[in-house]
C-alpha atoms as a PDB file:
ATOM      1  CA  UNK A   1      -8.803  24.757  -5.464  1.00  0.00           C
ATOM      2  CA  UNK A   2      -7.927  24.241  -9.116  1.00  0.00           C
ATOM      3  CA  UNK A   3      -9.772  21.355 -10.837  1.00  0.00           C
ATOM      4  CA  UNK A   4      -6.473  19.625 -11.578  1.00  0.00           C
ATOM      5  CA  UNK A   5      -5.651  19.496  -7.864  1.00  0.00           C
ATOM      6  CA  UNK A   6      -9.156  18.306  -6.996  1.00  0.00           C
ATOM      7  CA  UNK A   7      -8.476  15.374  -9.341  1.00  0.00           C
ATOM      8  CA  UNK A   8      -5.064  14.799  -7.761  1.00  0.00           C
ATOM      9  CA  UNK A   9      -6.667  14.855  -4.289  1.00  0.00           C
ATOM     10  CA  UNK A  10      -9.274  12.280  -5.335  1.00  0.00           C
ATOM     11  CA  UNK A  11      -6.555  10.053  -6.779  1.00  0.00           C
ATOM     12  CA  UNK A  12      -4.569  10.428  -3.579  1.00  0.00           C
ATOM     13  CA  UNK A  13      -7.596   9.240  -1.550  1.00  0.00           C
ATOM     14  CA  UNK A  14      -7.850   6.104  -3.699  1.00  0.00           C
ATOM     15  CA  UNK A  15      -4.077   5.627  -3.527  1.00  0.00           C
ATOM     16  CA  UNK A  16      -4.014   6.002   0.252  1.00  0.00           C
ATOM     17  CA  UNK A  17      -6.892   3.575   0.826  1.00  0.00           C
ATOM     18  CA  UNK A  18      -5.399   1.021  -1.552  1.00  0.00           C
ATOM     19  CA  UNK A  19      -1.924   1.412  -0.052  1.00  0.00           C
ATOM     20  CA  UNK A  20      -3.231   0.717   3.452  1.00  0.00           C
ATOM     21  CA  UNK A  21      -5.619  -2.090   2.504  1.00  0.00           C
ATOM     22  CA  UNK A  22      -3.118  -3.566   0.045  1.00  0.00           C
ATOM     23  CA  UNK A  23      -0.367  -3.537   2.662  1.00  0.00           C
ATOM     24  CA  UNK A  24      -2.617  -5.399   5.076  1.00  0.00           C
ATOM     25  CA  UNK A  25      -3.824  -7.807   2.390  1.00  0.00           C
ATOM     26  CA  UNK A  26      -0.452  -8.698   0.879  1.00  0.00           C
ATOM     27  CA  UNK A  27       1.325  -8.712   4.233  1.00  0.00           C
ATOM     28  CA  UNK A  28      -1.339 -10.988   5.698  1.00  0.00           C
ATOM     29  CA  UNK A  29      -0.795 -13.380   2.803  1.00  0.00           C
ATOM     30  CA  UNK A  30       2.879 -13.568   3.732  1.00  0.00           C
ATOM     31  CA  UNK A  31       2.144 -14.122   7.440  1.00  0.00           C
ATOM     32  CA  UNK A  32      -0.370 -16.859   6.617  1.00  0.00           C
ATOM     33  CA  UNK A  33       2.317 -18.630   4.594  1.00  0.00           C
ATOM     34  CA  UNK A  34       5.027 -18.014   7.194  1.00  0.00           C
ATOM     35  CA  UNK A  35       3.072 -19.275  10.190  1.00  0.00           C
ATOM     36  CA  UNK A  36       1.626 -22.210   8.326  1.00  0.00           C
ATOM     37  CA  UNK A  37       5.171 -23.389   7.634  1.00  0.00           C
ATOM     38  CA  UNK A  38       6.110 -22.638  11.267  1.00  0.00           C
ATOM     39  CA  UNK A  39       3.112 -24.773  12.297  1.00  0.00           C
ATOM     40  CA  UNK A  40       1.660 -21.942  14.348  1.00  0.00           C
ATOM     41  CA  UNK A  41      -1.962 -22.812  13.609  1.00  0.00           C
ATOM     42  CA  UNK A  42      -3.556 -19.955  15.547  1.00  0.00           C
ATOM     43  CA  UNK A  43      -1.452 -17.247  13.882  1.00  0.00           C
ATOM     44  CA  UNK A  44      -2.029 -18.773  10.434  1.00  0.00           C
ATOM     45  CA  UNK A  45      -5.773 -19.111  11.068  1.00  0.00           C
ATOM     46  CA  UNK A  46      -6.241 -15.490  12.140  1.00  0.00           C
ATOM     47  CA  UNK A  47      -4.424 -14.381   8.971  1.00  0.00           C
ATOM     48  CA  UNK A  48      -6.548 -16.662   6.791  1.00  0.00           C
ATOM     49  CA  UNK A  49      -9.726 -15.459   8.497  1.00  0.00           C
ATOM     50  CA  UNK A  50      -8.927 -11.939   7.367  1.00  0.00           C
ATOM     51  CA  UNK A  51      -7.801 -12.967   3.872  1.00  0.00           C
ATOM     52  CA  UNK A  52     -10.874 -15.088   3.178  1.00  0.00           C
ATOM     53  CA  UNK A  53     -13.236 -12.135   2.539  1.00  0.00           C
ATOM     54  CA  UNK A  54     -10.890  -9.137   2.366  1.00  0.00           C
ATOM     55  CA  UNK A  55      -8.805  -9.871  -0.739  1.00  0.00           C
ATOM     56  CA  UNK A  56     -11.944  -9.548  -2.865  1.00  0.00           C
ATOM     57  CA  UNK A  57     -12.502  -5.987  -1.643  1.00  0.00           C
ATOM     58  CA  UNK A  58      -8.978  -4.565  -1.722  1.00  0.00           C
ATOM     59  CA  UNK A  59      -8.589  -4.547  -5.496  1.00  0.00           C
ATOM     60  CA  UNK A  60     -11.721  -2.415  -5.911  1.00  0.00           C
ATOM     61  CA  UNK A  61      -9.613   0.589  -4.947  1.00  0.00           C
ATOM     62  CA  UNK A  62      -6.841  -0.366  -7.362  1.00  0.00           C
ATOM     63  CA  UNK A  63      -9.412  -0.317 -10.153  1.00  0.00           C
ATOM     64  CA  UNK A  64     -10.744   3.049  -8.958  1.00  0.00           C
ATOM     65  CA  UNK A  65      -7.212   4.452  -8.846  1.00  0.00           C
ATOM     66  CA  UNK A  66      -6.317   3.296 -12.362  1.00  0.00           C
ATOM     67  CA  UNK A  67      -9.639   4.418 -13.864  1.00  0.00           C
ATOM     68  CA  UNK A  68      -9.438   7.834 -12.192  1.00  0.00           C
ATOM     69  CA  UNK A  69      -5.876   8.273 -13.465  1.00  0.00           C
ATOM     70  CA  UNK A  70      -6.795   7.429 -17.055  1.00  0.00           C
ATOM     71  CA  UNK A  71     -10.009   9.486 -16.877  1.00  0.00           C
ATOM     72  CA  UNK A  72      -8.604  12.629 -15.304  1.00  0.00           C
ATOM     73  CA  UNK A  73      -5.168  12.548 -16.949  1.00  0.00           C
ATOM     74  CA  UNK A  74      -5.477  10.904 -20.391  1.00  0.00           C
ATOM     75  CA  UNK A  75      -2.535  12.947 -21.656  1.00  0.00           C
ATOM     76  CA  UNK A  76      -0.219  11.034 -19.339  1.00  0.00           C
ATOM     77  CA  UNK A  77      -0.861   7.687 -21.007  1.00  0.00           C
ATOM     78  CA  UNK A  78       1.635   8.029 -23.909  1.00  0.00           C
ATOM     79  CA  UNK A  79       4.517   9.137 -21.685  1.00  0.00           C
ATOM     80  CA  UNK A  80       3.852   6.887 -18.707  1.00  0.00           C
ATOM     81  CA  UNK A  81       2.918   3.898 -20.848  1.00  0.00           C
ATOM     82  CA  UNK A  82       6.554   3.026 -21.435  1.00  0.00           C
ATOM     83  CA  UNK A  83       7.335   3.318 -17.749  1.00  0.00           C
ATOM     84  CA  UNK A  84       4.335   1.391 -16.422  1.00  0.00           C
ATOM     85  CA  UNK A  85       3.597  -1.285 -19.008  1.00  0.00           C
ATOM     86  CA  UNK A  86       5.928  -3.952 -17.597  1.00  0.00           C
ATOM     87  CA  UNK A  87       5.232  -3.348 -13.861  1.00  0.00           C
ATOM     88  CA  UNK A  88       1.472  -3.211 -14.389  1.00  0.00           C
ATOM     89  CA  UNK A  89       1.378  -6.289 -16.616  1.00  0.00           C
ATOM     90  CA  UNK A  90       3.399  -8.224 -14.046  1.00  0.00           C
ATOM     91  CA  UNK A  91       1.132  -6.941 -11.269  1.00  0.00           C
ATOM     92  CA  UNK A  92      -2.030  -7.959 -13.115  1.00  0.00           C
ATOM     93  CA  UNK A  93      -0.558 -11.391 -13.835  1.00  0.00           C
ATOM     94  CA  UNK A  94       0.385 -11.927 -10.194  1.00  0.00           C
ATOM     95  CA  UNK A  95      -2.983 -10.610  -8.985  1.00  0.00           C
ATOM     96  CA  UNK A  96      -4.749 -13.050 -11.302  1.00  0.00           C
ATOM     97  CA  UNK A  97      -2.633 -15.977 -10.115  1.00  0.00           C
ATOM     98  CA  UNK A  98      -2.992 -14.974  -6.471  1.00  0.00           C
ATOM     99  CA  UNK A  99      -6.760 -14.507  -6.724  1.00  0.00           C
ATOM    100  CA  UNK A 100      -7.254 -17.843  -8.467  1.00  0.00           C
ATOM    101  CA  UNK A 101      -5.102 -19.631  -5.906  1.00  0.00           C
ATOM    102  CA  UNK A 102      -6.901 -17.990  -2.994  1.00  0.00           C
ATOM    103  CA  UNK A 103     -10.229 -19.200  -4.356  1.00  0.00           C
ATOM    104  CA  UNK A 104      -8.973 -22.770  -4.692  1.00  0.00           C
ATOM    105  CA  UNK A 105      -7.219 -22.655  -1.326  1.00  0.00           C
ATOM    106  CA  UNK A 106     -10.641 -22.432   0.311  1.00  0.00           C
ATOM    107  CA  UNK A 107     -12.156 -25.069  -1.979  1.00  0.00           C
ATOM    108  CA  UNK A 108      -9.736 -27.965  -1.606  1.00  0.00           C
ATOM    109  CA  UNK A 109      -7.550 -29.159   1.232  1.00  0.00           C
ATOM    110  CA  UNK A 110      -5.260 -31.210  -0.988  1.00  0.00           C
ATOM    111  CA  UNK A 111      -3.303 -28.232  -2.357  1.00  0.00           C
ATOM    112  CA  UNK A 112      -4.018 -25.729   0.422  1.00  0.00           C
ATOM    113  CA  UNK A 113      -0.407 -25.523   1.583  1.00  0.00           C
ATOM    114  CA  UNK A 114       0.970 -24.971  -1.923  1.00  0.00           C
ATOM    115  CA  UNK A 115      -1.668 -22.372  -2.707  1.00  0.00           C
ATOM    116  CA  UNK A 116      -0.899 -20.473   0.482  1.00  0.00           C
ATOM    117  CA  UNK A 117       2.776 -20.349  -0.524  1.00  0.00           C
ATOM    118  CA  UNK A 118       1.860 -18.874  -3.908  1.00  0.00           C
ATOM    119  CA  UNK A 119      -0.347 -16.305  -2.181  1.00  0.00           C
ATOM    120  CA  UNK A 120       2.399 -15.368   0.251  1.00  0.00           C
ATOM    121  CA  UNK A 121       5.167 -15.037  -2.341  1.00  0.00           C
ATOM    122  CA  UNK A 122       3.023 -13.064  -4.788  1.00  0.00           C
ATOM    123  CA  UNK A 123       1.923 -10.886  -1.871  1.00  0.00           C
ATOM    124  CA  UNK A 124       5.557  -9.854  -1.433  1.00  0.00           C
ATOM    125  CA  UNK A 125       6.299  -9.396  -5.134  1.00  0.00           C
ATOM    126  CA  UNK A 126       3.297  -7.223  -6.018  1.00  0.00           C
ATOM    127  CA  UNK A 127       4.104  -4.309  -3.647  1.00  0.00           C
ATOM    128  CA  UNK A 128       7.778  -4.437  -4.676  1.00  0.00           C
ATOM    129  CA  UNK A 129       6.822  -4.153  -8.348  1.00  0.00           C
ATOM    130  CA  UNK A 130       4.355  -1.315  -7.773  1.00  0.00           C
ATOM    131  CA  UNK A 131       6.716   0.702  -5.571  1.00  0.00           C
ATOM    132  CA  UNK A 132       9.504   0.362  -8.147  1.00  0.00           C
ATOM    133  CA  UNK A 133       7.557   2.751 -10.412  1.00  0.00           C
ATOM    134  CA  UNK A 134       8.140   5.697  -8.056  1.00  0.00           C
ATOM    135  CA  UNK A 135      11.928   6.053  -8.353  1.00  0.00           C
ATOM    136  CA  UNK A 136      11.701   5.618 -12.135  1.00  0.00           C
ATOM    137  CA  UNK A 137       9.371   8.654 -12.333  1.00  0.00           C
ATOM    138  CA  UNK A 138      11.732  11.134 -10.684  1.00  0.00           C
ATOM    139  CA  UNK A 139      13.798  11.607 -13.822  1.00  0.00           C
ATOM    140  CA  UNK A 140      17.061  10.430 -15.264  1.00  0.00           C
ATOM    141  CA  UNK A 141      16.023   6.871 -16.044  1.00  0.00           C
ATOM    142  CA  UNK A 142      14.311   7.392 -19.420  1.00  0.00           C
ATOM    143  CA  UNK A 143      16.183   8.102 -22.667  1.00  0.00           C
ATOM    144  CA  UNK A 144      14.592  10.298 -25.361  1.00  0.00           C
ATOM    145  CA  UNK A 145      17.656  10.726 -27.593  1.00  0.00           C
ATOM    146  CA  UNK A 146      16.291   8.630 -30.467  1.00  0.00           C
ATOM    147  CA  UNK A 147      12.865  10.252 -30.450  1.00  0.00           C
ATOM    148  CA  UNK A 148      11.370   7.288 -28.601  1.00  0.00           C
ATOM    149  CA  UNK A 149      11.215   6.405 -24.915  1.00  0.00           C
ATOM    150  CA  UNK A 150      13.558   3.797 -23.505  1.00  0.00           C
ATOM    151  CA  UNK A 151      13.922   2.928 -19.841  1.00  0.00           C
ATOM    152  CA  UNK A 152      17.555   2.845 -18.798  1.00  0.00           C
ATOM    153  CA  UNK A 153      17.196  -0.441 -16.952  1.00  0.00           C
ATOM    154  CA  UNK A 154      20.873  -0.825 -16.076  1.00  0.00           C
ATOM    155  CA  UNK A 155      20.990   2.659 -14.566  1.00  0.00           C
ATOM    156  CA  UNK A 156      17.744   2.098 -12.674  1.00  0.00           C
ATOM    157  CA  UNK A 157      18.891  -1.225 -11.227  1.00  0.00           C
ATOM    158  CA  UNK A 158      22.190   0.345 -10.165  1.00  0.00           C
ATOM    159  CA  UNK A 159      20.465   3.188  -8.317  1.00  0.00           C
ATOM    160  CA  UNK A 160      20.325   2.987  -4.474  1.00  0.00           C
ATOM    161  CA  UNK A 161      17.003   4.841  -4.413  1.00  0.00           C
ATOM    162  CA  UNK A 162      15.434   2.020  -6.447  1.00  0.00           C
ATOM    163  CA  UNK A 163      16.226  -0.477  -3.700  1.00  0.00           C
ATOM    164  CA  UNK A 164      15.378   1.810  -0.789  1.00  0.00           C
ATOM    165  CA  UNK A 165      11.920   2.397  -2.312  1.00  0.00           C
ATOM    166  CA  UNK A 166      11.372  -1.348  -2.674  1.00  0.00           C
ATOM    167  CA  UNK A 167      12.669  -2.032   0.839  1.00  0.00           C
ATOM    168  CA  UNK A 168      10.408   0.649   2.261  1.00  0.00           C
ATOM    169  CA  UNK A 169       7.397  -0.817   0.448  1.00  0.00           C
ATOM    170  CA  UNK A 170       8.078  -4.345   1.681  1.00  0.00           C
ATOM    171  CA  UNK A 171       8.752  -3.483   5.319  1.00  0.00           C
ATOM    172  CA  UNK A 172       5.818  -1.056   5.453  1.00  0.00           C
ATOM    173  CA  UNK A 173       3.589  -3.857   4.213  1.00  0.00           C
ATOM    174  CA  UNK A 174       4.816  -6.296   6.863  1.00  0.00           C
ATOM    175  CA  UNK A 175       4.728  -3.680   9.638  1.00  0.00           C
ATOM    176  CA  UNK A 176       1.188  -2.490   8.897  1.00  0.00           C
ATOM    177  CA  UNK A 177      -0.144  -6.035   8.492  1.00  0.00           C
ATOM    178  CA  UNK A 178       1.473  -7.073  11.804  1.00  0.00           C
ATOM    179  CA  UNK A 179      -0.146  -4.128  13.592  1.00  0.00           C
ATOM    180  CA  UNK A 180      -3.522  -4.872  12.048  1.00  0.00           C
ATOM    181  CA  UNK A 181      -3.386  -8.607  12.761  1.00  0.00           C
ATOM    182  CA  UNK A 182      -2.369  -7.991  16.367  1.00  0.00           C
ATOM    183  CA  UNK A 183      -5.526  -5.917  16.804  1.00  0.00           C
ATOM    184  CA  UNK A 184      -7.549  -8.468  14.827  1.00  0.00           C
ATOM    185  CA  UNK A 185      -6.357 -11.260  17.140  1.00  0.00           C
ATOM    186  CA  UNK A 186      -7.026  -9.126  20.220  1.00  0.00           C
ATOM    187  CA  UNK A 187     -10.565  -8.444  18.985  1.00  0.00           C
ATOM    188  CA  UNK A 188     -11.131 -12.202  18.726  1.00  0.00           C
ATOM    189  CA  UNK A 189      -9.739 -12.825  22.213  1.00  0.00           C
ATOM    190  CA  UNK A 190      -6.681 -14.755  20.959  1.00  0.00           C
ATOM    191  CA  UNK A 191      -4.087 -13.151  23.201  1.00  0.00           C
ATOM    192  CA  UNK A 192      -1.221 -15.512  22.365  1.00  0.00           C
ATOM    193  CA  UNK A 193      -1.620 -14.707  18.668  1.00  0.00           C
ATOM    194  CA  UNK A 194      -1.895 -11.029  19.569  1.00  0.00           C
ATOM    195  CA  UNK A 195       1.492 -11.239  21.295  1.00  0.00           C
ATOM    196  CA  UNK A 196       3.007 -13.002  18.272  1.00  0.00           C
ATOM    197  CA  UNK A 197       1.979 -10.275  15.844  1.00  0.00           C
ATOM    198  CA  UNK A 198       2.784  -7.518  18.332  1.00  0.00           C
ATOM    199  CA  UNK A 199       6.322  -8.881  18.576  1.00  0.00           C
ATOM    200  CA  UNK A 200       6.600  -8.742  14.776  1.00  0.00           C
ATOM    201  CA  UNK A 201       5.468  -5.109  14.787  1.00  0.00           C
ATOM    202  CA  UNK A 202       7.978  -4.205  17.507  1.00  0.00           C
ATOM    203  CA  UNK A 203      10.851  -5.524  15.383  1.00  0.00           C
ATOM    204  CA  UNK A 204       9.609  -4.210  12.036  1.00  0.00           C
ATOM    205  CA  UNK A 205       8.811  -0.646  13.147  1.00  0.00           C
ATOM    206  CA  UNK A 206      12.415   0.654  13.414  1.00  0.00           C
ATOM    207  CA  UNK A 207      13.431  -1.110  10.183  1.00  0.00           C
ATOM    208  CA  UNK A 208      10.556   0.583   8.352  1.00  0.00           C
ATOM    209  CA  UNK A 209      11.612   3.966   9.724  1.00  0.00           C
ATOM    210  CA  UNK A 210      15.223   3.413   8.607  1.00  0.00           C
ATOM    211  CA  UNK A 211      14.082   2.660   5.053  1.00  0.00           C
ATOM    212  CA  UNK A 212      11.786   5.713   5.067  1.00  0.00           C
ATOM    213  CA  UNK A 213      14.748   7.946   5.922  1.00  0.00           C
ATOM    214  CA  UNK A 214      16.946   6.138   3.382  1.00  0.00           C
ATOM    215  CA  UNK A 215      14.381   6.800   0.634  1.00  0.00           C
ATOM    216  CA  UNK A 216      14.730  10.546   1.200  1.00  0.00           C
ATOM    217  CA  UNK A 217      18.518  10.689   1.327  1.00  0.00           C
ATOM    218  CA  UNK A 218      19.175   8.326  -1.587  1.00  0.00           C
ATOM    219  CA  UNK A 219      17.217  10.756  -3.757  1.00  0.00           C
ATOM    220  CA  UNK A 220      19.966  13.382  -3.415  1.00  0.00           C
ATOM    221  CA  UNK A 221      22.222  12.151  -6.273  1.00  0.00           C
ATOM    222  CA  UNK A 222      19.302  11.098  -8.496  1.00  0.00           C
ATOM    223  CA  UNK A 223      16.791  13.925  -7.935  1.00  0.00           C
ATOM    224  CA  UNK A 224      18.322  16.891  -6.095  1.00  0.00           C
ATOM    225  CA  UNK A 225      15.388  19.042  -7.250  1.00  0.00           C
ATOM    226  CA  UNK A 226      13.014  16.780  -5.320  1.00  0.00           C
ATOM    227  CA  UNK A 227      15.200  16.702  -2.229  1.00  0.00           C
ATOM    228  CA  UNK A 228      15.207  20.519  -2.215  1.00  0.00           C
ATOM    229  CA  UNK A 229      11.410  20.404  -2.189  1.00  0.00           C
ATOM    230  CA  UNK A 230      11.527  17.952   0.703  1.00  0.00           C
ATOM    231  CA  UNK A 231      13.390  20.597   2.678  1.00  0.00           C
ATOM    232  CA  UNK A 232      10.565  23.059   1.977  1.00  0.00           C
ATOM    233  CA  UNK A 233       8.002  20.700   3.543  1.00  0.00           C
ATOM    234  CA  UNK A 234      10.190  19.588   6.458  1.00  0.00           C
ATOM    235  CA  UNK A 235       7.383  20.424   8.902  1.00  0.00           C
ATOM    236  CA  UNK A 236       5.079  17.847   7.253  1.00  0.00           C
ATOM    237  CA  UNK A 237       7.717  15.171   7.733  1.00  0.00           C
ATOM    238  CA  UNK A 238       8.098  16.309  11.343  1.00  0.00           C
ATOM    239  CA  UNK A 239       4.364  15.732  11.885  1.00  0.00           C
ATOM    240  CA  UNK A 240       4.778  12.352  10.225  1.00  0.00           C
ATOM    241  CA  UNK A 241       7.612  11.473  12.605  1.00  0.00           C
ATOM    242  CA  UNK A 242       5.521  12.401  15.644  1.00  0.00           C
ATOM    243  CA  UNK A 243       2.648  10.246  14.351  1.00  0.00           C
ATOM    244  CA  UNK A 244       5.041   7.320  13.904  1.00  0.00           C
ATOM    245  CA  UNK A 245       6.453   7.795  17.419  1.00  0.00           C
ATOM    246  CA  UNK A 246       2.940   7.828  18.874  1.00  0.00           C
ATOM    247  CA  UNK A 247       1.832   4.778  16.906  1.00  0.00           C
ATOM    248  CA  UNK A 248       4.933   2.747  17.696  1.00  0.00           C
ATOM    249  CA  UNK A 249       4.868   3.673  21.390  1.00  0.00           C
ATOM    250  CA  UNK A 250       1.221   2.532  21.555  1.00  0.00           C
ATOM    251  CA  UNK A 251       2.546  -1.021  21.445  1.00  0.00           C
ATOM    252  CA  UNK A 252       3.622  -0.476  25.065  1.00  0.00           C
ATOM    253  CA  UNK A 253       0.614   1.473  26.351  1.00  0.00           C
ATOM    254  CA  UNK A 254      -1.285  -0.233  29.196  1.00  0.00           C
ATOM    255  CA  UNK A 255      -4.425  -2.129  28.248  1.00  0.00           C
ATOM    256  CA  UNK A 256      -7.139  -3.878  30.241  1.00  0.00           C
ATOM    257  CA  UNK A 257      -7.566  -6.526  27.542  1.00  0.00           C
ATOM    258  CA  UNK A 258      -3.961  -7.404  26.824  1.00  0.00           C
ATOM    259  CA  UNK A 259      -1.995  -6.009  29.743  1.00  0.00           C
ATOM    260  CA  UNK A 260       0.343  -4.181  27.387  1.00  0.00           C
ATOM    261  CA  UNK A 261      -0.235  -2.609  23.992  1.00  0.00           C
ATOM    262  CA  UNK A 262      -2.966  -0.649  22.205  1.00  0.00           C
ATOM    263  CA  UNK A 263      -2.643  -2.066  18.671  1.00  0.00           C
ATOM    264  CA  UNK A 264      -5.699  -0.295  17.251  1.00  0.00           C
ATOM    265  CA  UNK A 265      -4.443   3.129  18.293  1.00  0.00           C
ATOM    266  CA  UNK A 266      -0.998   2.141  17.034  1.00  0.00           C
ATOM    267  CA  UNK A 267      -2.378   1.080  13.645  1.00  0.00           C
ATOM    268  CA  UNK A 268      -4.462   4.234  13.219  1.00  0.00           C
ATOM    269  CA  UNK A 269      -1.531   6.494  14.086  1.00  0.00           C
ATOM    270  CA  UNK A 270       0.845   4.634  11.756  1.00  0.00           C
ATOM    271  CA  UNK A 271      -1.754   4.841   8.973  1.00  0.00           C
ATOM    272  CA  UNK A 272      -2.002   8.576   9.691  1.00  0.00           C
ATOM    273  CA  UNK A 273       1.785   8.797   9.538  1.00  0.00           C
ATOM    274  CA  UNK A 274       1.786   7.078   6.158  1.00  0.00           C
ATOM    275  CA  UNK A 275      -0.877   9.493   4.895  1.00  0.00           C
ATOM    276  CA  UNK A 276       1.048  12.563   6.070  1.00  0.00           C
ATOM    277  CA  UNK A 277       4.326  11.283   4.591  1.00  0.00           C
ATOM    278  CA  UNK A 278       2.664  10.491   1.260  1.00  0.00           C
ATOM    279  CA  UNK A 279       1.291  14.045   1.118  1.00  0.00           C
ATOM    280  CA  UNK A 280       4.811  15.394   1.636  1.00  0.00           C
ATOM    281  CA  UNK A 281       6.243  13.036  -1.009  1.00  0.00           C
ATOM    282  CA  UNK A 282       3.496  13.933  -3.486  1.00  0.00           C
ATOM    283  CA  UNK A 283       3.902  17.666  -2.803  1.00  0.00           C
ATOM    284  CA  UNK A 284       7.615  17.407  -3.580  1.00  0.00           C
ATOM    285  CA  UNK A 285       6.867  15.583  -6.846  1.00  0.00           C
ATOM    286  CA  UNK A 286       4.259  18.109  -7.994  1.00  0.00           C
ATOM    287  CA  UNK A 287       3.569  19.355 -10.603  1.00  0.00           C
ATOM    288  CA  UNK A 288       5.327  16.479 -12.390  1.00  0.00           C
ATOM    289  CA  UNK A 289       4.117  13.056 -13.302  1.00  0.00           C
ATOM    290  CA  UNK A 290       7.409  12.360 -15.033  1.00  0.00           C
ATOM    291  CA  UNK A 291      10.243  14.790 -14.414  1.00  0.00           C
ATOM    292  CA  UNK A 292      10.972  16.983 -16.369  1.00  0.00           C
ATOM    293  CA  UNK A 293       8.811  16.150 -19.386  1.00  0.00           C
ATOM    294  CA  UNK A 294       5.264  15.656 -18.137  1.00  0.00           C
ATOM    295  CA  UNK A 295       3.272  17.818 -15.705  1.00  0.00           C
ATOM    296  CA  UNK A 296      -0.223  17.355 -14.337  1.00  0.00           C
ATOM    297  CA  UNK A 297      -1.349  20.377 -16.379  1.00  0.00           C
ATOM    298  CA  UNK A 298      -0.120  18.845 -19.636  1.00  0.00           C
ATOM    299  CA  UNK A 299      -2.003  15.611 -19.006  1.00  0.00           C
ATOM    300  CA  UNK A 300      -5.273  16.967 -17.547  1.00  0.00           C
ATOM    301  CA  UNK A 301      -8.598  16.221 -19.260  1.00  0.00           C
ATOM    302  CA  UNK A 302     -11.141  18.764 -20.500  1.00  0.00           C
ATOM    303  CA  UNK A 303     -13.662  20.505 -18.243  1.00  0.00           C
ATOM    304  CA  UNK A 304     -16.677  18.484 -19.395  1.00  0.00           C
ATOM    305  CA  UNK A 305     -14.997  15.135 -18.738  1.00  0.00           C
ATOM    306  CA  UNK A 306     -13.689  16.396 -15.397  1.00  0.00           C
ATOM    307  CA  UNK A 307     -17.170  17.351 -14.171  1.00  0.00           C
ATOM    308  CA  UNK A 308     -18.724  14.089 -15.405  1.00  0.00           C
ATOM    309  CA  UNK A 309     -16.050  11.993 -13.700  1.00  0.00           C
ATOM    310  CA  UNK A 310     -16.374  13.954 -10.463  1.00  0.00           C
ATOM    311  CA  UNK A 311     -20.135  13.432 -10.327  1.00  0.00           C
ATOM    312  CA  UNK A 312     -19.704   9.746 -11.168  1.00  0.00           C
ATOM    313  CA  UNK A 313     -17.209   9.208  -8.378  1.00  0.00           C
ATOM    314  CA  UNK A 314     -19.372  11.051  -5.856  1.00  0.00           C
ATOM    315  CA  UNK A 315     -22.331   8.789  -6.678  1.00  0.00           C
ATOM    316  CA  UNK A 316     -20.100   5.702  -6.643  1.00  0.00           C
ATOM    317  CA  UNK A 317     -18.611   6.493  -3.244  1.00  0.00           C
ATOM    318  CA  UNK A 318     -22.085   7.203  -1.822  1.00  0.00           C
ATOM    319  CA  UNK A 319     -22.937   3.607  -2.743  1.00  0.00           C
ATOM    320  CA  UNK A 320     -19.634   1.989  -1.785  1.00  0.00           C
ATOM    321  CA  UNK A 321     -19.119   3.555   1.660  1.00  0.00           C
ATOM    322  CA  UNK A 322     -22.219   1.939   3.272  1.00  0.00           C
ATOM    323  CA  UNK A 323     -21.262  -1.376   1.660  1.00  0.00           C
ATOM    324  CA  UNK A 324     -17.773  -1.254   3.173  1.00  0.00           C
ATOM    325  CA  UNK A 325     -19.177  -0.321   6.584  1.00  0.00           C
ATOM    326  CA  UNK A 326     -21.431  -3.379   6.416  1.00  0.00           C
ATOM    327  CA  UNK A 327     -18.480  -5.506   5.323  1.00  0.00           C
ATOM    328  CA  UNK A 328     -16.436  -4.284   8.295  1.00  0.00           C
ATOM    329  CA  UNK A 329     -19.177  -5.156  10.770  1.00  0.00           C
ATOM    330  CA  UNK A 330     -19.796  -8.560   9.227  1.00  0.00           C
ATOM    331  CA  UNK A 331     -16.241  -9.874   8.906  1.00  0.00           C
ATOM    332  CA  UNK A 332     -13.985  -7.699  11.043  1.00  0.00           C
ATOM    333  CA  UNK A 333     -16.086  -7.110  14.168  1.00  0.00           C
ATOM    334  CA  UNK A 334     -18.235 -10.231  14.527  1.00  0.00           C
ATOM    335  CA  UNK A 335     -16.499 -12.446  17.107  1.00  0.00           C
ATOM    336  CA  UNK A 336     -18.277 -15.536  15.815  1.00  0.00           C
ATOM    337  CA  UNK A 337     -16.383 -15.104  12.562  1.00  0.00           C
ATOM    338  CA  UNK A 338     -13.129 -14.008  14.199  1.00  0.00           C
ATOM    339  CA  UNK A 339     -12.904 -17.198  16.223  1.00  0.00           C
ATOM    340  CA  UNK A 340     -13.982 -19.482  13.363  1.00  0.00           C
ATOM    341  CA  UNK A 341     -11.790 -21.187  10.803  1.00  0.00           C
ATOM    342  CA  UNK A 342     -12.657 -18.619   8.143  1.00  0.00           C
ATOM    343  CA  UNK A 343     -14.649 -21.004   5.934  1.00  0.00           C
END
């Protein structure tokens, strides 16, 4: 495999992990807010129990993704800077606000409700902002006529694919977090809460699938070149569809614990589906970072930096993986914590 594609593969791993963990994290923030206002204490508590330790870990992979991008593809910074400066600044601002509010939400009861609302709202806005970068990168939304880069904001905001990408990001976040929290509640023996989140997943699954299909077909007028590449990898999307069907149907599989539903199998299969679909989407976009002006070959770093970064990431992951396994066992498998108030 070419070094440039090894770097792309490593970035995809960080992207995939962050996309899954971020979807759970931000979606859980919304559900905590929603069920607190609905006065469903058990559903809100199970969401807060997950948020209490997990939000500190999720952003590690965002940092790894950004650093790997800048390290492996420094030549992309000038071109993508115009495109990403506003979304990333807004994301960092919201992450800072959300993180600060989550800390204080567990330190004082006086403003706990208000802080949970801020966490929930920012948890919806952050994925929407990040996903909005994707349609802007497919071409046609940046003007170079004056020798400088300008984003054609009016054209972007009038594009259907802009809104289908955002809708897909939001509903994927809520669907994945519902699946995860249903399994999280089941693990803690809270079957009523399990049924609440399972019901959410049942409703959100088809909506997520509709937006996924809409993302593909709304690309036709904006990026016909990319849609043609989608047709070349139709078999990958077929595998993705089968994974989705298996994961969604798992919500009705028989279970000794719950009577109906295997949420863990469902979550794993839906995560697999997301991974397969993202490979197909990324394959269709390759070799461009920004169509048609910037390719991965144009932006790639030199051989020495590539080897140094690769060794550094291998050492870093060798340290991080055992830490995350320990974290999982401590907070996500220990029933004493699962049934506590998350303090």
